[in-house]
N, C-alpha and C. Protein backbone atom coordinates (compact mmCIF):
# COMPACT_ATOMS: atom_id res chain seq x y z
N UNK A 1 5.94 -2.66 -11.65
CA UNK A 1 6.41 -1.66 -10.72
C UNK A 1 7.34 -2.32 -9.70
N UNK A 2 8.50 -1.73 -9.51
CA UNK A 2 9.45 -2.25 -8.52
C UNK A 2 8.95 -1.94 -7.11
N UNK A 3 9.20 -2.87 -6.21
CA UNK A 3 8.85 -2.61 -4.82
C UNK A 3 9.95 -1.79 -4.18
N UNK A 4 9.54 -0.81 -3.39
CA UNK A 4 10.49 0.13 -2.78
C UNK A 4 10.82 -0.30 -1.36
N UNK A 5 12.11 -0.27 -1.05
CA UNK A 5 12.59 -0.63 0.28
C UNK A 5 13.43 0.53 0.82
N UNK A 6 13.21 0.85 2.09
CA UNK A 6 14.05 1.82 2.78
C UNK A 6 14.98 1.04 3.71
N UNK A 7 16.29 1.20 3.52
CA UNK A 7 17.31 0.59 4.39
C UNK A 7 17.82 1.65 5.34
N UNK A 8 17.82 1.33 6.63
CA UNK A 8 18.31 2.28 7.63
C UNK A 8 19.39 1.57 8.44
N UNK A 9 20.63 2.06 8.33
CA UNK A 9 21.75 1.46 9.07
C UNK A 9 22.86 2.50 9.16
N UNK A 10 23.51 2.59 10.31
CA UNK A 10 24.58 3.57 10.48
C UNK A 10 25.93 3.04 10.01
N UNK A 11 26.01 1.76 9.67
CA UNK A 11 27.25 1.20 9.12
C UNK A 11 27.19 1.31 7.60
N UNK A 12 27.98 2.20 7.04
CA UNK A 12 27.94 2.48 5.61
C UNK A 12 28.24 1.24 4.77
N UNK A 13 29.17 0.41 5.20
CA UNK A 13 29.51 -0.80 4.45
C UNK A 13 28.30 -1.74 4.34
N UNK A 14 27.58 -1.91 5.44
CA UNK A 14 26.38 -2.76 5.44
C UNK A 14 25.31 -2.13 4.55
N UNK A 15 25.12 -0.84 4.70
CA UNK A 15 24.11 -0.11 3.93
C UNK A 15 24.34 -0.24 2.42
N UNK A 16 25.56 0.01 1.99
CA UNK A 16 25.86 -0.04 0.56
C UNK A 16 25.84 -1.46 0.00
N UNK A 17 26.30 -2.43 0.80
CA UNK A 17 26.29 -3.82 0.35
C UNK A 17 24.85 -4.32 0.19
N UNK A 18 24.03 -4.08 1.21
CA UNK A 18 22.64 -4.52 1.13
C UNK A 18 21.89 -3.81 0.00
N UNK A 19 22.16 -2.53 -0.17
CA UNK A 19 21.54 -1.77 -1.26
C UNK A 19 21.86 -2.42 -2.61
N UNK A 20 23.13 -2.73 -2.83
CA UNK A 20 23.55 -3.34 -4.09
C UNK A 20 22.89 -4.70 -4.30
N UNK A 21 22.85 -5.52 -3.26
CA UNK A 21 22.24 -6.85 -3.36
C UNK A 21 20.75 -6.73 -3.71
N UNK A 22 20.05 -5.82 -3.05
CA UNK A 22 18.62 -5.67 -3.28
C UNK A 22 18.33 -5.07 -4.65
N UNK A 23 19.13 -4.12 -5.08
CA UNK A 23 18.91 -3.52 -6.41
C UNK A 23 19.17 -4.54 -7.52
N UNK A 24 20.20 -5.36 -7.37
CA UNK A 24 20.48 -6.42 -8.35
C UNK A 24 19.30 -7.39 -8.41
N UNK A 25 18.61 -7.56 -7.27
CA UNK A 25 17.47 -8.48 -7.19
C UNK A 25 16.16 -7.83 -7.63
N UNK A 26 16.21 -6.59 -8.11
CA UNK A 26 15.02 -5.97 -8.69
C UNK A 26 14.26 -5.01 -7.80
N UNK A 27 14.80 -4.66 -6.65
CA UNK A 27 14.12 -3.72 -5.76
C UNK A 27 14.59 -2.29 -6.02
N UNK A 28 13.74 -1.33 -5.72
CA UNK A 28 14.11 0.08 -5.74
C UNK A 28 14.47 0.41 -4.30
N UNK A 29 15.71 0.80 -4.03
CA UNK A 29 16.20 0.93 -2.66
C UNK A 29 16.61 2.36 -2.35
N UNK A 30 16.13 2.85 -1.21
CA UNK A 30 16.51 4.16 -0.69
C UNK A 30 17.23 3.88 0.63
N UNK A 31 18.19 4.72 1.00
CA UNK A 31 18.96 4.47 2.22
C UNK A 31 18.92 5.65 3.16
N UNK A 32 19.15 5.34 4.44
CA UNK A 32 19.28 6.36 5.47
C UNK A 32 20.38 5.88 6.43
N UNK A 33 21.27 6.79 6.82
CA UNK A 33 22.41 6.41 7.66
C UNK A 33 22.17 6.66 9.15
N UNK A 34 20.93 7.02 9.51
CA UNK A 34 20.60 7.22 10.92
C UNK A 34 19.09 7.05 11.10
N UNK A 35 18.68 6.85 12.35
CA UNK A 35 17.25 6.73 12.64
C UNK A 35 16.54 8.04 12.30
N UNK A 36 17.19 9.14 12.59
CA UNK A 36 16.58 10.46 12.31
C UNK A 36 16.31 10.60 10.81
N UNK A 37 17.30 10.28 9.99
CA UNK A 37 17.14 10.36 8.53
C UNK A 37 16.08 9.36 8.05
N UNK A 38 16.08 8.16 8.63
CA UNK A 38 15.09 7.15 8.26
C UNK A 38 13.68 7.60 8.55
N UNK A 39 13.45 8.20 9.72
CA UNK A 39 12.11 8.68 10.08
C UNK A 39 11.68 9.80 9.14
N UNK A 40 12.62 10.65 8.75
CA UNK A 40 12.30 11.73 7.80
C UNK A 40 11.87 11.15 6.45
N UNK A 41 12.62 10.15 5.98
CA UNK A 41 12.29 9.54 4.68
C UNK A 41 10.95 8.81 4.73
N UNK A 42 10.61 8.24 5.88
CA UNK A 42 9.31 7.58 6.02
C UNK A 42 8.16 8.59 5.92
N UNK A 43 8.40 9.80 6.39
CA UNK A 43 7.37 10.85 6.30
C UNK A 43 7.26 11.43 4.91
N UNK A 44 8.35 11.45 4.16
CA UNK A 44 8.35 12.13 2.86
C UNK A 44 8.23 11.20 1.65
N UNK A 45 8.40 9.91 1.86
CA UNK A 45 8.31 8.95 0.75
C UNK A 45 7.34 7.83 1.10
N UNK A 46 7.22 6.88 0.20
CA UNK A 46 6.40 5.69 0.46
C UNK A 46 7.20 4.45 0.12
N UNK A 47 7.13 3.47 0.99
CA UNK A 47 7.92 2.25 0.84
C UNK A 47 7.05 1.02 1.07
N UNK A 48 7.39 -0.06 0.40
CA UNK A 48 6.70 -1.32 0.63
C UNK A 48 7.26 -2.00 1.87
N UNK A 49 8.55 -1.70 2.15
CA UNK A 49 9.22 -2.35 3.27
C UNK A 49 10.29 -1.44 3.84
N UNK A 50 10.49 -1.56 5.16
CA UNK A 50 11.57 -0.85 5.85
C UNK A 50 12.42 -1.90 6.55
N UNK A 51 13.71 -1.84 6.30
CA UNK A 51 14.67 -2.71 6.99
C UNK A 51 15.57 -1.78 7.78
N UNK A 52 15.53 -1.91 9.09
CA UNK A 52 16.31 -1.01 9.94
C UNK A 52 17.20 -1.78 10.92
N UNK A 53 18.40 -1.26 11.10
CA UNK A 53 19.30 -1.78 12.12
C UNK A 53 18.67 -1.46 13.47
N UNK A 54 18.88 -2.31 14.46
CA UNK A 54 18.31 -2.05 15.78
C UNK A 54 19.10 -1.00 16.54
N UNK A 55 20.41 -1.13 16.50
CA UNK A 55 21.26 -0.24 17.31
C UNK A 55 22.04 0.68 16.40
N UNK A 56 21.71 1.93 16.46
CA UNK A 56 22.46 2.92 15.67
C UNK A 56 22.95 4.00 16.63
N UNK A 57 22.43 5.21 16.51
CA UNK A 57 22.91 6.28 17.38
C UNK A 57 22.49 6.09 18.84
N UNK A 58 21.50 5.20 19.07
CA UNK A 58 21.10 4.85 20.44
C UNK A 58 20.60 3.40 20.43
N UNK A 59 20.40 2.87 21.62
CA UNK A 59 19.91 1.49 21.74
C UNK A 59 18.48 1.35 21.21
N UNK A 60 17.72 2.44 21.21
CA UNK A 60 16.31 2.39 20.81
C UNK A 60 16.08 2.93 19.39
N UNK A 61 17.13 3.24 18.68
CA UNK A 61 16.99 3.86 17.35
C UNK A 61 16.18 2.99 16.39
N UNK A 62 16.44 1.69 16.35
CA UNK A 62 15.69 0.80 15.46
C UNK A 62 14.21 0.74 15.83
N UNK A 63 13.92 0.72 17.12
CA UNK A 63 12.53 0.71 17.59
C UNK A 63 11.83 2.01 17.19
N UNK A 64 12.55 3.12 17.21
CA UNK A 64 11.97 4.41 16.79
C UNK A 64 11.63 4.40 15.31
N UNK A 65 12.51 3.84 14.50
CA UNK A 65 12.24 3.75 13.06
C UNK A 65 11.05 2.82 12.81
N UNK A 66 11.01 1.69 13.52
CA UNK A 66 9.89 0.76 13.38
C UNK A 66 8.57 1.43 13.77
N UNK A 67 8.58 2.20 14.84
CA UNK A 67 7.37 2.91 15.27
C UNK A 67 6.93 3.93 14.22
N UNK A 68 7.89 4.64 13.63
CA UNK A 68 7.57 5.61 12.58
C UNK A 68 6.99 4.90 11.35
N UNK A 69 7.51 3.72 11.03
CA UNK A 69 6.99 2.94 9.90
C UNK A 69 5.56 2.48 10.19
N UNK A 70 5.30 2.06 11.41
CA UNK A 70 3.96 1.61 11.79
C UNK A 70 2.96 2.77 11.74
N UNK A 71 3.44 3.98 11.98
CA UNK A 71 2.56 5.15 11.96
C UNK A 71 2.29 5.66 10.53
N UNK A 72 3.06 5.19 9.56
CA UNK A 72 2.91 5.64 8.18
C UNK A 72 1.58 5.16 7.61
N UNK A 73 0.91 6.03 6.87
CA UNK A 73 -0.41 5.70 6.33
C UNK A 73 -0.38 4.61 5.26
N UNK A 74 0.77 4.36 4.67
CA UNK A 74 0.88 3.38 3.59
C UNK A 74 1.26 1.98 4.09
N UNK A 75 1.45 1.80 5.38
CA UNK A 75 1.64 0.51 6.04
C UNK A 75 2.74 -0.38 5.44
N UNK A 76 4.02 0.02 5.55
CA UNK A 76 5.08 -0.85 5.02
C UNK A 76 5.33 -2.05 5.93
N UNK A 77 5.90 -3.11 5.36
CA UNK A 77 6.38 -4.23 6.17
C UNK A 77 7.63 -3.72 6.90
N UNK A 78 7.90 -4.25 8.08
CA UNK A 78 9.03 -3.78 8.88
C UNK A 78 9.89 -4.96 9.32
N UNK A 79 11.20 -4.86 9.03
CA UNK A 79 12.15 -5.88 9.46
C UNK A 79 13.27 -5.21 10.25
N UNK A 80 13.63 -5.82 11.36
CA UNK A 80 14.77 -5.34 12.15
C UNK A 80 15.99 -6.14 11.74
N UNK A 81 17.08 -5.46 11.50
CA UNK A 81 18.34 -6.08 11.11
C UNK A 81 19.31 -5.91 12.27
N UNK A 82 19.86 -7.01 12.75
CA UNK A 82 20.74 -6.91 13.91
C UNK A 82 21.75 -8.04 13.96
N UNK A 83 22.85 -7.76 14.60
CA UNK A 83 23.85 -8.80 14.88
C UNK A 83 23.63 -9.33 16.30
N UNK A 84 22.71 -8.68 17.03
CA UNK A 84 22.41 -9.04 18.42
C UNK A 84 20.94 -9.41 18.54
N UNK A 85 20.58 -10.65 18.18
CA UNK A 85 19.16 -11.03 18.20
C UNK A 85 18.55 -10.94 19.59
N UNK A 86 17.26 -10.62 19.60
CA UNK A 86 16.50 -10.55 20.85
C UNK A 86 15.34 -11.53 20.73
N UNK A 87 14.66 -11.74 21.84
CA UNK A 87 13.53 -12.66 21.87
C UNK A 87 12.42 -12.17 20.92
N UNK A 88 11.67 -13.13 20.38
CA UNK A 88 10.61 -12.81 19.41
C UNK A 88 9.59 -11.82 19.98
N UNK A 89 9.22 -11.99 21.24
CA UNK A 89 8.27 -11.06 21.85
C UNK A 89 8.81 -9.65 21.88
N UNK A 90 10.12 -9.52 22.08
CA UNK A 90 10.75 -8.20 22.14
C UNK A 90 10.72 -7.49 20.78
N UNK A 91 11.12 -8.18 19.71
CA UNK A 91 11.15 -7.50 18.41
C UNK A 91 9.75 -7.28 17.85
N UNK A 92 8.82 -8.18 18.17
CA UNK A 92 7.44 -7.95 17.75
C UNK A 92 6.83 -6.79 18.53
N UNK A 93 7.23 -6.67 19.78
CA UNK A 93 6.77 -5.55 20.61
C UNK A 93 7.28 -4.21 20.10
N UNK A 94 8.37 -4.23 19.35
CA UNK A 94 8.92 -3.00 18.75
C UNK A 94 8.18 -2.64 17.45
N UNK A 95 7.27 -3.49 17.01
CA UNK A 95 6.52 -3.19 15.79
C UNK A 95 7.08 -3.83 14.54
N UNK A 96 7.99 -4.78 14.70
CA UNK A 96 8.58 -5.43 13.53
C UNK A 96 7.79 -6.67 13.12
N UNK A 97 7.83 -6.96 11.83
CA UNK A 97 7.21 -8.17 11.30
C UNK A 97 8.20 -9.33 11.26
N UNK A 98 9.49 -8.99 11.24
CA UNK A 98 10.54 -10.01 11.06
C UNK A 98 11.84 -9.51 11.65
N UNK A 99 12.64 -10.43 12.16
CA UNK A 99 14.00 -10.10 12.58
C UNK A 99 14.97 -10.78 11.63
N UNK A 100 15.87 -10.00 11.07
CA UNK A 100 16.92 -10.51 10.18
C UNK A 100 18.23 -10.42 10.94
N UNK A 101 18.90 -11.55 11.11
CA UNK A 101 20.15 -11.58 11.88
C UNK A 101 21.33 -11.55 10.92
N UNK A 102 22.23 -10.57 11.14
CA UNK A 102 23.42 -10.47 10.30
C UNK A 102 24.60 -11.08 11.03
N UNK A 103 25.55 -11.64 10.35
CA UNK A 103 25.60 -11.80 8.89
C UNK A 103 24.67 -12.93 8.43
N UNK A 104 24.24 -12.82 7.19
CA UNK A 104 23.32 -13.80 6.63
C UNK A 104 23.68 -14.04 5.17
N UNK A 105 23.52 -15.26 4.72
CA UNK A 105 23.78 -15.58 3.33
C UNK A 105 22.79 -14.80 2.46
N UNK A 106 23.27 -14.25 1.37
CA UNK A 106 22.46 -13.40 0.50
C UNK A 106 21.19 -14.09 0.02
N UNK A 107 21.29 -15.32 -0.40
CA UNK A 107 20.13 -16.05 -0.91
C UNK A 107 19.06 -16.19 0.17
N UNK A 108 19.47 -16.49 1.39
CA UNK A 108 18.53 -16.65 2.50
C UNK A 108 17.89 -15.30 2.84
N UNK A 109 18.69 -14.25 2.84
CA UNK A 109 18.17 -12.92 3.10
C UNK A 109 17.09 -12.55 2.08
N UNK A 110 17.38 -12.77 0.81
CA UNK A 110 16.42 -12.44 -0.25
C UNK A 110 15.14 -13.27 -0.12
N UNK A 111 15.28 -14.54 0.22
CA UNK A 111 14.10 -15.40 0.42
C UNK A 111 13.24 -14.88 1.57
N UNK A 112 13.89 -14.48 2.67
CA UNK A 112 13.14 -13.99 3.82
C UNK A 112 12.43 -12.67 3.50
N UNK A 113 13.12 -11.79 2.77
CA UNK A 113 12.51 -10.51 2.39
C UNK A 113 11.32 -10.75 1.47
N UNK A 114 11.49 -11.61 0.49
CA UNK A 114 10.40 -11.92 -0.45
C UNK A 114 9.21 -12.52 0.27
N UNK A 115 9.47 -13.46 1.17
CA UNK A 115 8.39 -14.11 1.93
C UNK A 115 7.66 -13.08 2.80
N UNK A 116 8.42 -12.20 3.44
CA UNK A 116 7.80 -11.17 4.28
C UNK A 116 6.95 -10.22 3.44
N UNK A 117 7.46 -9.78 2.31
CA UNK A 117 6.70 -8.88 1.44
C UNK A 117 5.42 -9.53 0.93
N UNK A 118 5.50 -10.78 0.50
CA UNK A 118 4.31 -11.49 0.00
C UNK A 118 3.26 -11.62 1.10
N UNK A 119 3.69 -12.00 2.29
CA UNK A 119 2.76 -12.14 3.42
C UNK A 119 2.15 -10.81 3.80
N UNK A 120 2.96 -9.77 3.80
CA UNK A 120 2.47 -8.44 4.16
C UNK A 120 1.49 -7.91 3.11
N UNK A 121 1.80 -8.11 1.83
CA UNK A 121 0.90 -7.67 0.76
C UNK A 121 -0.44 -8.41 0.84
N UNK A 122 -0.40 -9.69 1.16
CA UNK A 122 -1.64 -10.47 1.30
C UNK A 122 -2.47 -9.92 2.47
N UNK A 123 -1.79 -9.58 3.56
CA UNK A 123 -2.47 -9.02 4.73
C UNK A 123 -3.11 -7.68 4.38
N UNK A 124 -2.41 -6.85 3.62
CA UNK A 124 -2.96 -5.55 3.22
C UNK A 124 -4.19 -5.72 2.33
N UNK A 125 -4.18 -6.72 1.45
CA UNK A 125 -5.34 -6.98 0.58
C UNK A 125 -6.54 -7.38 1.42
N UNK A 126 -6.31 -8.18 2.45
CA UNK A 126 -7.41 -8.59 3.32
C UNK A 126 -7.98 -7.36 4.02
N UNK A 127 -7.11 -6.46 4.48
CA UNK A 127 -7.57 -5.26 5.17
C UNK A 127 -8.35 -4.34 4.24
N UNK A 128 -7.94 -4.29 2.96
CA UNK A 128 -8.58 -3.35 2.04
C UNK A 128 -9.78 -3.94 1.31
N UNK A 129 -10.02 -5.25 1.43
CA UNK A 129 -11.17 -5.88 0.80
C UNK A 129 -12.40 -5.62 1.65
N UNK A 130 -13.45 -5.06 1.05
CA UNK A 130 -14.65 -4.79 1.85
C UNK A 130 -15.33 -6.09 2.26
N UNK A 131 -16.01 -6.03 3.38
CA UNK A 131 -16.76 -7.20 3.83
C UNK A 131 -17.91 -7.44 2.86
N UNK A 132 -18.46 -8.65 2.86
CA UNK A 132 -19.58 -8.92 1.95
C UNK A 132 -20.73 -7.94 2.12
N UNK A 133 -21.05 -7.55 3.36
CA UNK A 133 -22.13 -6.59 3.58
C UNK A 133 -21.81 -5.25 2.96
N UNK A 134 -20.55 -4.80 3.11
CA UNK A 134 -20.14 -3.51 2.54
C UNK A 134 -20.18 -3.55 1.02
N UNK A 135 -19.82 -4.70 0.45
CA UNK A 135 -19.83 -4.83 -1.01
C UNK A 135 -21.26 -4.76 -1.54
N UNK A 136 -22.22 -5.38 -0.82
CA UNK A 136 -23.62 -5.33 -1.24
C UNK A 136 -24.14 -3.90 -1.16
N UNK A 137 -23.80 -3.20 -0.08
CA UNK A 137 -24.23 -1.81 0.07
C UNK A 137 -23.66 -0.95 -1.04
N UNK A 138 -22.39 -1.15 -1.36
CA UNK A 138 -21.74 -0.36 -2.41
C UNK A 138 -22.40 -0.62 -3.76
N UNK A 139 -22.79 -1.86 -4.01
CA UNK A 139 -23.42 -2.20 -5.29
C UNK A 139 -24.81 -1.59 -5.39
N UNK A 140 -25.48 -1.38 -4.25
CA UNK A 140 -26.83 -0.83 -4.26
C UNK A 140 -26.84 0.68 -4.43
N UNK A 141 -25.70 1.32 -4.20
CA UNK A 141 -25.64 2.78 -4.34
C UNK A 141 -25.76 3.18 -5.79
N UNK A 142 -26.40 4.36 -6.04
CA UNK A 142 -26.48 4.83 -7.43
C UNK A 142 -25.11 5.22 -7.95
N UNK A 143 -24.92 5.02 -9.22
CA UNK A 143 -23.66 5.35 -9.87
C UNK A 143 -23.62 6.84 -10.11
N UNK A 144 -22.53 7.47 -9.74
CA UNK A 144 -22.38 8.90 -9.95
C UNK A 144 -21.54 9.16 -11.19
N UNK A 145 -21.59 10.37 -11.65
CA UNK A 145 -20.76 10.74 -12.79
C UNK A 145 -21.58 11.27 -13.93
N UNK A 146 -20.88 11.77 -14.94
CA UNK A 146 -21.53 12.40 -16.08
C UNK A 146 -22.39 11.41 -16.85
N UNK A 147 -21.88 10.22 -17.09
CA UNK A 147 -22.65 9.24 -17.85
C UNK A 147 -23.95 8.89 -17.14
N UNK A 148 -23.85 8.71 -15.82
CA UNK A 148 -25.05 8.37 -15.06
C UNK A 148 -26.05 9.52 -15.10
N UNK A 149 -25.56 10.76 -14.99
CA UNK A 149 -26.45 11.93 -15.03
C UNK A 149 -27.14 12.02 -16.38
N UNK A 150 -26.40 11.79 -17.46
CA UNK A 150 -26.99 11.82 -18.80
C UNK A 150 -28.04 10.74 -18.96
N UNK A 151 -27.75 9.55 -18.42
CA UNK A 151 -28.67 8.43 -18.53
C UNK A 151 -29.97 8.76 -17.81
N UNK A 152 -29.85 9.32 -16.60
CA UNK A 152 -31.03 9.68 -15.82
C UNK A 152 -31.80 10.77 -16.54
N UNK A 153 -31.11 11.78 -17.06
CA UNK A 153 -31.77 12.87 -17.76
C UNK A 153 -32.50 12.37 -19.00
N UNK A 154 -31.89 11.46 -19.74
CA UNK A 154 -32.53 10.95 -20.96
C UNK A 154 -33.77 10.13 -20.61
N UNK A 155 -33.74 9.42 -19.48
CA UNK A 155 -34.92 8.66 -19.07
C UNK A 155 -36.05 9.59 -18.69
N UNK A 156 -35.73 10.70 -18.02
CA UNK A 156 -36.76 11.66 -17.63
C UNK A 156 -37.41 12.27 -18.85
N UNK A 157 -36.60 12.62 -19.84
CA UNK A 157 -37.13 13.23 -21.05
C UNK A 157 -38.03 12.24 -21.78
N UNK A 158 -37.60 10.99 -21.87
CA UNK A 158 -38.39 10.02 -22.61
C UNK A 158 -39.67 9.66 -21.88
N UNK A 159 -39.73 9.85 -20.57
CA UNK A 159 -40.93 9.52 -19.82
C UNK A 159 -41.98 10.63 -19.88
N UNK A 160 -41.58 11.84 -20.26
CA UNK A 160 -42.54 12.94 -20.33
C UNK A 160 -43.59 12.61 -21.37
N UNK A 161 -44.78 13.04 -21.07
CA UNK A 161 -45.87 12.80 -22.03
C UNK A 161 -45.68 13.70 -23.23
N UNK A 162 -45.70 13.11 -24.35
CA UNK A 162 -45.56 13.89 -25.58
C UNK A 162 -46.96 14.17 -26.09
N UNK A 163 -47.16 15.38 -26.61
CA UNK A 163 -48.50 15.69 -27.12
C UNK A 163 -48.82 14.77 -28.29
N UNK A 164 -50.06 14.30 -28.29
CA UNK A 164 -50.46 13.40 -29.36
C UNK A 164 -50.64 14.19 -30.65
N UNK A 165 -50.15 13.66 -31.71
CA UNK A 165 -50.30 14.32 -33.00
C UNK A 165 -51.69 14.00 -33.52
N UNK A 166 -52.33 15.05 -33.98
CA UNK A 166 -53.68 14.81 -34.53
C UNK A 166 -53.51 14.43 -35.99
N UNK A 167 -54.17 13.39 -36.31
CA UNK A 167 -54.10 13.00 -37.70
C UNK A 167 -55.14 13.84 -38.47
N UNK A 168 -54.76 14.28 -39.64
CA UNK A 168 -55.72 15.13 -40.38
C UNK A 168 -56.97 14.32 -40.69
N UNK A 169 -58.08 14.92 -40.38
CA UNK A 169 -59.33 14.20 -40.64
C UNK A 169 -59.68 14.31 -42.12
N UNK A 170 -60.16 13.28 -42.62
CA UNK A 170 -60.55 13.28 -44.02
C UNK A 170 -62.00 13.73 -44.10
N UNK A 171 -62.16 14.74 -44.88
CA UNK A 171 -63.54 15.21 -45.05
C UNK A 171 -64.20 14.37 -46.12
N UNK A 172 -65.27 13.92 -45.77
CA UNK A 172 -65.98 13.13 -46.78
C UNK A 172 -66.89 14.06 -47.57
N UNK A 173 -66.87 13.86 -48.78
CA UNK A 173 -67.70 14.68 -49.66
C UNK A 173 -69.11 14.10 -49.67
N UNK A 174 -70.05 15.02 -49.54
CA UNK A 174 -71.43 14.57 -49.63
C UNK A 174 -71.98 14.96 -50.98
N UNK A 175 -72.53 14.10 -51.49
CA UNK A 175 -73.05 14.41 -52.82
C UNK A 175 -74.54 14.51 -52.84
């Protein structure tokens, strides 16, 4: 299954170039040309990662897209793409996992995206793995379903006392 990425940038040349680079590298890419369109796509689709420009129709547009991505139930990785880097505390405070500074060499960009996705997927696995106590509790629960019901029913039937068959008595002849 290809990993899905949503690209959000108001510069069409950047949007189309990045889309082509990512698709050639095996990603399924969807695009949005504004923060408004990006937020809509986040609500209607599911993505493994969101890459958004920081400054689009407003100075806070990228932060709005990042916040919408953080609110999504499927928890995508979030990267801010900008030509105007900010301090790490600032972009992390916006809800981003990574800052990508443009322009960037394609190979380096792909390495950073891959590294971010791998780290994010590992983090999601940790979140979705039950604790040892929860796993023990789950194992102790009875199994539900048709097969389990049939198994229980067959055990009940086999445990019922069956009437004993009387063996025919042999009459002894008296002479």
